[in-house]
């Protein structure tokens, strides 16, 4: 079967699978905290919008690596829930800038605070160096995967 694979590679696969499974469950939980009708896969989209402040759909699609059509449908759903708004782009009248509404920001920030609290409680017993290494290695993995 996979006996020819190094044990460390099998360990990475196992731990990554566990992390992804927990991440999906957490996404469902956090999405429901933001809004009961929010799709779990849009939490990451809200995070990008929160960090960006305001961004064009085409730029956001490129950052996320998704098609404009898919992203447009997700944005429309977030607009319907009152979490996201489109404003005219001052540099291009054909385009719009996307941003969180005040309600979207309030709901997102509350859900994120709860999430960060969970992460803080999980990592508070770790040495600071381990937390820094963990963040650095996760970043490295995400940048190259």
N, C-alpha and C. Protein backbone atom coordinates (compact mmCIF):
# COMPACT_ATOMS: atom_id res chain seq x y z
N UNK A 1 0.85 -1.19 0.00
CA UNK A 1 0.00 0.00 0.00
C UNK A 1 0.89 1.24 0.00
N UNK A 2 1.09 1.87 1.15
CA UNK A 2 1.95 3.06 1.21
C UNK A 2 3.20 2.79 2.04
N UNK A 3 3.58 1.52 2.15
CA UNK A 3 4.75 1.14 2.94
C UNK A 3 6.04 1.74 2.40
N UNK A 4 6.04 2.10 1.13
CA UNK A 4 7.24 2.67 0.53
C UNK A 4 7.43 4.15 0.87
N UNK A 5 6.39 4.77 1.44
CA UNK A 5 6.49 6.18 1.81
C UNK A 5 7.21 6.33 3.15
N UNK A 6 8.00 7.39 3.29
CA UNK A 6 8.64 7.62 4.60
C UNK A 6 7.58 7.83 5.68
N UNK A 7 7.87 7.35 6.87
CA UNK A 7 6.92 7.47 7.97
C UNK A 7 6.58 8.92 8.26
N UNK A 8 7.57 9.82 8.14
CA UNK A 8 7.29 11.23 8.41
C UNK A 8 6.29 11.80 7.41
N UNK A 9 6.35 11.35 6.17
CA UNK A 9 5.39 11.83 5.16
C UNK A 9 3.98 11.32 5.49
N UNK A 10 3.89 10.08 5.93
CA UNK A 10 2.58 9.54 6.34
C UNK A 10 2.07 10.31 7.56
N UNK A 11 2.97 10.67 8.48
CA UNK A 11 2.58 11.45 9.65
C UNK A 11 2.05 12.82 9.25
N UNK A 12 2.73 13.47 8.31
CA UNK A 12 2.29 14.78 7.83
C UNK A 12 0.91 14.65 7.21
N UNK A 13 0.72 13.63 6.37
CA UNK A 13 -0.59 13.43 5.73
C UNK A 13 -1.67 13.23 6.79
N UNK A 14 -1.39 12.41 7.78
CA UNK A 14 -2.37 12.14 8.84
C UNK A 14 -2.73 13.41 9.60
N UNK A 15 -1.72 14.17 10.01
CA UNK A 15 -1.97 15.38 10.79
C UNK A 15 -2.64 16.46 9.95
N UNK A 16 -2.28 16.55 8.68
CA UNK A 16 -2.91 17.52 7.79
C UNK A 16 -4.38 17.17 7.59
N UNK A 17 -4.67 15.89 7.44
CA UNK A 17 -6.06 15.44 7.30
C UNK A 17 -6.87 15.78 8.54
N UNK A 18 -6.27 15.56 9.72
CA UNK A 18 -6.97 15.90 10.96
C UNK A 18 -7.20 17.40 11.06
N UNK A 19 -6.19 18.19 10.68
CA UNK A 19 -6.32 19.65 10.71
C UNK A 19 -7.43 20.12 9.77
N UNK A 20 -7.46 19.58 8.58
CA UNK A 20 -8.49 19.97 7.60
C UNK A 20 -9.88 19.58 8.08
N UNK A 21 -10.01 18.40 8.66
CA UNK A 21 -11.31 17.95 9.19
C UNK A 21 -11.78 18.91 10.29
N UNK A 22 -10.87 19.24 11.20
CA UNK A 22 -11.23 20.18 12.27
C UNK A 22 -11.52 21.57 11.71
N UNK A 23 -10.77 21.96 10.70
CA UNK A 23 -10.99 23.26 10.07
C UNK A 23 -12.36 23.37 9.44
N UNK A 24 -12.79 22.29 8.77
CA UNK A 24 -14.13 22.30 8.17
C UNK A 24 -15.20 22.41 9.24
N UNK A 25 -15.04 21.66 10.33
CA UNK A 25 -16.01 21.73 11.42
C UNK A 25 -16.03 23.13 12.03
N UNK A 26 -14.85 23.70 12.21
CA UNK A 26 -14.75 25.05 12.77
C UNK A 26 -15.37 26.08 11.82
N UNK A 27 -15.18 25.89 10.52
CA UNK A 27 -15.77 26.81 9.54
C UNK A 27 -17.29 26.82 9.64
N UNK A 28 -17.88 25.65 9.80
CA UNK A 28 -19.34 25.57 9.97
C UNK A 28 -19.77 26.33 11.23
N UNK A 29 -19.04 26.09 12.30
CA UNK A 29 -19.38 26.73 13.58
C UNK A 29 -19.26 28.25 13.49
N UNK A 30 -18.17 28.72 12.95
CA UNK A 30 -17.94 30.17 12.87
C UNK A 30 -18.91 30.82 11.89
N UNK A 31 -19.16 30.16 10.78
CA UNK A 31 -20.10 30.70 9.81
C UNK A 31 -21.47 30.93 10.46
N UNK A 32 -21.91 29.97 11.26
CA UNK A 32 -23.21 30.10 11.93
C UNK A 32 -23.19 31.24 12.95
N UNK A 33 -22.02 31.49 13.55
CA UNK A 33 -21.92 32.62 14.49
C UNK A 33 -22.04 33.95 13.76
N UNK A 34 -21.48 34.02 12.56
CA UNK A 34 -21.57 35.27 11.79
C UNK A 34 -23.01 35.50 11.35
N UNK A 35 -23.61 34.45 10.78
CA UNK A 35 -25.01 34.55 10.33
C UNK A 35 -25.55 33.14 10.17
N UNK A 36 -26.76 32.87 10.63
CA UNK A 36 -27.30 31.50 10.55
C UNK A 36 -27.39 30.95 9.13
N UNK A 37 -27.47 31.80 8.13
CA UNK A 37 -27.60 31.35 6.74
C UNK A 37 -26.30 31.45 5.95
N UNK A 38 -25.20 31.69 6.63
CA UNK A 38 -23.92 31.85 5.94
C UNK A 38 -23.33 30.49 5.57
N UNK A 39 -22.88 30.39 4.32
CA UNK A 39 -22.19 29.18 3.87
C UNK A 39 -20.81 29.12 4.52
N UNK A 40 -20.40 27.97 5.02
CA UNK A 40 -19.12 27.87 5.74
C UNK A 40 -17.90 28.26 4.91
N UNK A 41 -17.94 28.01 3.61
CA UNK A 41 -16.77 28.32 2.78
C UNK A 41 -16.61 29.81 2.53
N UNK A 42 -17.55 30.63 2.97
CA UNK A 42 -17.41 32.07 2.75
C UNK A 42 -16.74 32.78 3.92
N UNK A 43 -16.45 32.06 5.01
CA UNK A 43 -15.77 32.71 6.13
C UNK A 43 -14.41 33.26 5.68
N UNK A 44 -13.67 32.48 4.93
CA UNK A 44 -12.36 32.93 4.43
C UNK A 44 -12.50 34.16 3.55
N UNK A 45 -13.57 34.21 2.80
CA UNK A 45 -13.85 35.38 1.95
C UNK A 45 -14.08 36.62 2.82
N UNK A 46 -14.84 36.45 3.88
CA UNK A 46 -15.07 37.57 4.81
C UNK A 46 -13.76 38.02 5.46
N UNK A 47 -12.89 37.06 5.77
CA UNK A 47 -11.59 37.40 6.35
C UNK A 47 -10.78 38.26 5.39
N UNK A 48 -10.75 37.90 4.11
CA UNK A 48 -10.03 38.70 3.11
C UNK A 48 -10.63 40.09 2.99
N UNK A 49 -11.95 40.17 2.99
CA UNK A 49 -12.60 41.48 2.90
C UNK A 49 -12.30 42.32 4.14
N UNK A 50 -12.26 41.69 5.30
CA UNK A 50 -11.96 42.42 6.53
C UNK A 50 -10.54 42.97 6.48
N UNK A 51 -9.61 42.15 6.01
CA UNK A 51 -8.22 42.58 5.92
C UNK A 51 -8.02 43.65 4.85
N UNK A 52 -8.73 43.53 3.75
CA UNK A 52 -8.56 44.45 2.63
C UNK A 52 -9.21 45.80 2.86
N UNK A 53 -10.30 45.79 3.59
CA UNK A 53 -11.08 47.01 3.75
C UNK A 53 -11.99 47.21 2.55
N UNK A 54 -11.40 47.28 1.38
CA UNK A 54 -12.15 47.46 0.14
C UNK A 54 -11.30 46.89 -0.99
N UNK A 55 -11.92 46.10 -1.87
CA UNK A 55 -11.17 45.45 -2.94
C UNK A 55 -12.10 45.16 -4.11
N UNK A 56 -11.54 45.21 -5.31
CA UNK A 56 -12.31 44.86 -6.50
C UNK A 56 -12.49 43.35 -6.59
N UNK A 57 -13.60 42.93 -7.16
CA UNK A 57 -13.91 41.51 -7.29
C UNK A 57 -12.81 40.79 -8.05
N UNK A 58 -12.33 41.36 -9.14
CA UNK A 58 -11.29 40.69 -9.93
C UNK A 58 -10.00 40.53 -9.12
N UNK A 59 -9.66 41.51 -8.32
CA UNK A 59 -8.46 41.41 -7.48
C UNK A 59 -8.64 40.35 -6.39
N UNK A 60 -9.82 40.31 -5.81
CA UNK A 60 -10.11 39.32 -4.77
C UNK A 60 -10.10 37.91 -5.36
N UNK A 61 -10.68 37.75 -6.53
CA UNK A 61 -10.70 36.44 -7.19
C UNK A 61 -9.27 35.96 -7.44
N UNK A 62 -8.40 36.86 -7.87
CA UNK A 62 -7.01 36.50 -8.13
C UNK A 62 -6.31 36.09 -6.82
N UNK A 63 -6.54 36.83 -5.75
CA UNK A 63 -5.92 36.50 -4.45
C UNK A 63 -6.37 35.14 -3.94
N UNK A 64 -7.65 34.85 -4.14
CA UNK A 64 -8.21 33.60 -3.63
C UNK A 64 -8.02 32.43 -4.58
N UNK A 65 -7.68 32.72 -5.83
CA UNK A 65 -7.50 31.66 -6.82
C UNK A 65 -8.80 31.00 -7.22
N UNK A 66 -9.88 31.80 -7.29
CA UNK A 66 -11.18 31.28 -7.72
C UNK A 66 -11.66 32.08 -8.91
N UNK A 67 -12.60 31.53 -9.64
CA UNK A 67 -13.16 32.21 -10.80
C UNK A 67 -14.04 33.37 -10.38
N UNK A 68 -14.11 34.37 -11.27
CA UNK A 68 -14.94 35.54 -10.97
C UNK A 68 -16.41 35.17 -10.83
N UNK A 69 -16.87 34.22 -11.65
CA UNK A 69 -18.27 33.81 -11.57
C UNK A 69 -18.62 33.19 -10.23
N UNK A 70 -17.78 32.29 -9.77
CA UNK A 70 -17.99 31.66 -8.46
C UNK A 70 -17.97 32.70 -7.36
N UNK A 71 -16.97 33.57 -7.41
CA UNK A 71 -16.85 34.61 -6.39
C UNK A 71 -18.03 35.56 -6.44
N UNK A 72 -18.46 35.91 -7.62
CA UNK A 72 -19.59 36.82 -7.76
C UNK A 72 -20.85 36.23 -7.11
N UNK A 73 -21.08 34.93 -7.29
CA UNK A 73 -22.23 34.28 -6.66
C UNK A 73 -22.11 34.31 -5.14
N UNK A 74 -20.91 34.07 -4.63
CA UNK A 74 -20.72 34.11 -3.18
C UNK A 74 -20.94 35.52 -2.64
N UNK A 75 -20.42 36.50 -3.35
CA UNK A 75 -20.59 37.90 -2.93
C UNK A 75 -22.07 38.26 -2.93
N UNK A 76 -22.78 37.84 -3.97
CA UNK A 76 -24.21 38.13 -4.04
C UNK A 76 -24.93 37.57 -2.80
N UNK A 77 -24.57 36.34 -2.41
CA UNK A 77 -25.18 35.75 -1.22
C UNK A 77 -24.87 36.56 0.03
N UNK A 78 -23.63 37.06 0.13
CA UNK A 78 -23.24 37.87 1.28
C UNK A 78 -23.94 39.22 1.27
N UNK A 79 -24.17 39.76 0.08
CA UNK A 79 -24.93 41.02 -0.03
C UNK A 79 -26.37 40.80 0.44
N UNK A 80 -26.96 39.68 0.02
CA UNK A 80 -28.33 39.37 0.40
C UNK A 80 -28.48 39.26 1.91
N UNK A 81 -27.43 38.75 2.58
CA UNK A 81 -27.46 38.63 4.04
C UNK A 81 -27.13 39.95 4.74
N UNK A 82 -26.78 40.98 3.96
CA UNK A 82 -26.46 42.28 4.54
C UNK A 82 -25.06 42.37 5.12
N UNK A 83 -24.16 41.46 4.71
CA UNK A 83 -22.81 41.43 5.27
C UNK A 83 -21.78 42.15 4.39
N UNK A 84 -22.08 42.25 3.09
CA UNK A 84 -21.14 42.84 2.12
C UNK A 84 -21.88 43.85 1.27
N UNK A 85 -21.16 44.88 0.84
CA UNK A 85 -21.75 45.88 -0.07
C UNK A 85 -20.77 46.13 -1.22
N UNK A 86 -21.34 46.63 -2.30
CA UNK A 86 -20.56 47.05 -3.47
C UNK A 86 -20.67 48.57 -3.57
N UNK A 87 -19.53 49.22 -3.72
CA UNK A 87 -19.50 50.66 -3.92
C UNK A 87 -18.79 50.93 -5.24
N UNK A 88 -19.16 52.01 -5.94
CA UNK A 88 -18.49 52.33 -7.19
C UNK A 88 -16.99 52.50 -6.99
N UNK A 89 -16.21 51.96 -7.91
CA UNK A 89 -14.76 52.12 -7.88
C UNK A 89 -14.42 53.50 -8.39
N UNK A 90 -13.78 54.34 -7.59
CA UNK A 90 -13.49 55.71 -8.01
C UNK A 90 -12.52 55.79 -9.20
N UNK A 91 -11.77 54.71 -9.44
CA UNK A 91 -10.80 54.74 -10.55
C UNK A 91 -11.34 54.11 -11.83
N UNK A 92 -12.48 53.40 -11.73
CA UNK A 92 -13.06 52.73 -12.90
C UNK A 92 -14.56 52.60 -12.68
N UNK A 93 -15.33 53.41 -13.37
CA UNK A 93 -16.78 53.44 -13.15
C UNK A 93 -17.47 52.13 -13.52
N UNK A 94 -16.80 51.28 -14.31
CA UNK A 94 -17.40 49.99 -14.67
C UNK A 94 -17.25 48.97 -13.55
N UNK A 95 -16.35 49.22 -12.63
CA UNK A 95 -16.05 48.26 -11.57
C UNK A 95 -16.64 48.71 -10.23
N UNK A 96 -16.62 47.78 -9.28
CA UNK A 96 -17.10 48.09 -7.94
C UNK A 96 -16.07 47.64 -6.93
N UNK A 97 -16.08 48.30 -5.80
CA UNK A 97 -15.25 47.93 -4.66
C UNK A 97 -16.13 47.16 -3.69
N UNK A 98 -15.64 46.04 -3.22
CA UNK A 98 -16.36 45.22 -2.25
C UNK A 98 -15.83 45.52 -0.85
N UNK A 99 -16.72 45.56 0.11
CA UNK A 99 -16.31 45.73 1.50
C UNK A 99 -17.40 45.18 2.41
N UNK A 100 -17.03 44.96 3.65
CA UNK A 100 -18.02 44.53 4.63
C UNK A 100 -18.91 45.70 5.01
N UNK A 101 -20.16 45.41 5.27
CA UNK A 101 -21.06 46.42 5.83
C UNK A 101 -20.71 46.58 7.31
N UNK A 102 -21.29 47.58 7.95
CA UNK A 102 -21.08 47.72 9.40
C UNK A 102 -21.55 46.48 10.13
N UNK A 103 -22.70 45.96 9.72
CA UNK A 103 -23.23 44.74 10.34
C UNK A 103 -22.31 43.55 10.07
N UNK A 104 -21.81 43.46 8.84
CA UNK A 104 -20.87 42.39 8.49
C UNK A 104 -19.60 42.47 9.32
N UNK A 105 -19.08 43.66 9.49
CA UNK A 105 -17.88 43.85 10.30
C UNK A 105 -18.14 43.47 11.75
N UNK A 106 -19.25 43.93 12.29
CA UNK A 106 -19.59 43.63 13.68
C UNK A 106 -19.72 42.12 13.90
N UNK A 107 -20.47 41.47 13.03
CA UNK A 107 -20.69 40.02 13.17
C UNK A 107 -19.39 39.24 12.96
N UNK A 108 -18.62 39.63 11.94
CA UNK A 108 -17.37 38.94 11.66
C UNK A 108 -16.40 39.09 12.83
N UNK A 109 -16.25 40.31 13.33
CA UNK A 109 -15.31 40.56 14.42
C UNK A 109 -15.68 39.76 15.67
N UNK A 110 -16.97 39.65 15.97
CA UNK A 110 -17.40 38.88 17.14
C UNK A 110 -17.07 37.39 16.96
N UNK A 111 -17.36 36.86 15.79
CA UNK A 111 -17.07 35.44 15.53
C UNK A 111 -15.56 35.19 15.52
N UNK A 112 -14.82 36.12 14.95
CA UNK A 112 -13.36 35.96 14.90
C UNK A 112 -12.75 36.03 16.29
N UNK A 113 -13.27 36.90 17.13
CA UNK A 113 -12.76 36.99 18.50
C UNK A 113 -12.94 35.65 19.22
N UNK A 114 -14.08 35.01 19.01
CA UNK A 114 -14.32 33.71 19.62
C UNK A 114 -13.33 32.68 19.07
N UNK A 115 -13.09 32.72 17.77
CA UNK A 115 -12.16 31.78 17.14
C UNK A 115 -10.75 32.00 17.66
N UNK A 116 -10.32 33.26 17.72
CA UNK A 116 -8.98 33.55 18.22
C UNK A 116 -8.84 33.17 19.68
N UNK A 117 -9.92 33.28 20.43
CA UNK A 117 -9.90 32.84 21.82
C UNK A 117 -9.64 31.34 21.93
N UNK A 118 -10.28 30.57 21.05
CA UNK A 118 -10.04 29.13 21.03
C UNK A 118 -8.58 28.82 20.70
N UNK A 119 -8.05 29.50 19.70
CA UNK A 119 -6.66 29.28 19.30
C UNK A 119 -5.72 29.68 20.44
N UNK A 120 -6.00 30.82 21.07
CA UNK A 120 -5.17 31.29 22.18
C UNK A 120 -5.16 30.27 23.31
N UNK A 121 -6.34 29.75 23.67
CA UNK A 121 -6.42 28.77 24.75
C UNK A 121 -5.66 27.49 24.39
N UNK A 122 -5.72 27.09 23.13
CA UNK A 122 -5.01 25.90 22.69
C UNK A 122 -3.51 26.07 22.75
N UNK A 123 -3.04 27.26 22.37
CA UNK A 123 -1.59 27.48 22.26
C UNK A 123 -0.95 28.13 23.49
N UNK A 124 -1.75 28.53 24.48
CA UNK A 124 -1.18 29.28 25.60
C UNK A 124 -0.16 28.48 26.42
N UNK A 125 -0.26 27.17 26.39
CA UNK A 125 0.71 26.36 27.15
C UNK A 125 1.97 26.05 26.32
N UNK A 126 1.96 26.42 25.06
CA UNK A 126 3.12 26.18 24.21
C UNK A 126 4.17 27.26 24.46
N UNK A 127 5.44 26.91 24.35
CA UNK A 127 6.47 27.96 24.40
C UNK A 127 6.29 28.92 23.23
N UNK A 128 6.57 30.20 23.47
CA UNK A 128 6.38 31.21 22.42
C UNK A 128 7.14 30.86 21.15
N UNK A 129 8.32 30.29 21.30
CA UNK A 129 9.12 29.91 20.14
C UNK A 129 8.40 28.85 19.30
N UNK A 130 7.74 27.89 19.96
CA UNK A 130 6.99 26.87 19.23
C UNK A 130 5.82 27.47 18.46
N UNK A 131 5.14 28.43 19.07
CA UNK A 131 4.02 29.10 18.39
C UNK A 131 4.54 29.85 17.16
N UNK A 132 5.65 30.54 17.31
CA UNK A 132 6.24 31.27 16.19
C UNK A 132 6.68 30.31 15.09
N UNK A 133 7.29 29.20 15.48
CA UNK A 133 7.72 28.19 14.48
C UNK A 133 6.50 27.59 13.77
N UNK A 134 5.45 27.32 14.53
CA UNK A 134 4.23 26.75 13.95
C UNK A 134 3.64 27.70 12.91
N UNK A 135 3.55 28.97 13.25
CA UNK A 135 3.02 29.97 12.31
C UNK A 135 3.91 30.07 11.08
N UNK A 136 5.20 30.09 11.28
CA UNK A 136 6.15 30.20 10.17
C UNK A 136 6.05 28.98 9.25
N UNK A 137 5.97 27.80 9.81
CA UNK A 137 5.91 26.58 9.00
C UNK A 137 4.56 26.45 8.29
N UNK A 138 3.47 26.82 8.95
CA UNK A 138 2.17 26.82 8.27
C UNK A 138 2.19 27.78 7.09
N UNK A 139 2.76 28.96 7.30
CA UNK A 139 2.86 29.94 6.21
C UNK A 139 3.68 29.37 5.06
N UNK A 140 4.79 28.79 5.37
CA UNK A 140 5.66 28.20 4.34
C UNK A 140 4.92 27.12 3.57
N UNK A 141 4.20 26.25 4.28
CA UNK A 141 3.44 25.19 3.64
C UNK A 141 2.37 25.77 2.73
N UNK A 142 1.62 26.75 3.24
CA UNK A 142 0.53 27.34 2.45
C UNK A 142 1.05 28.09 1.24
N UNK A 143 2.21 28.70 1.33
CA UNK A 143 2.77 29.43 0.20
C UNK A 143 3.25 28.52 -0.91
N UNK A 144 3.65 27.30 -0.57
CA UNK A 144 4.23 26.42 -1.57
C UNK A 144 3.34 25.27 -1.97
N UNK A 145 2.23 25.06 -1.29
CA UNK A 145 1.36 23.91 -1.59
C UNK A 145 0.41 24.24 -2.70
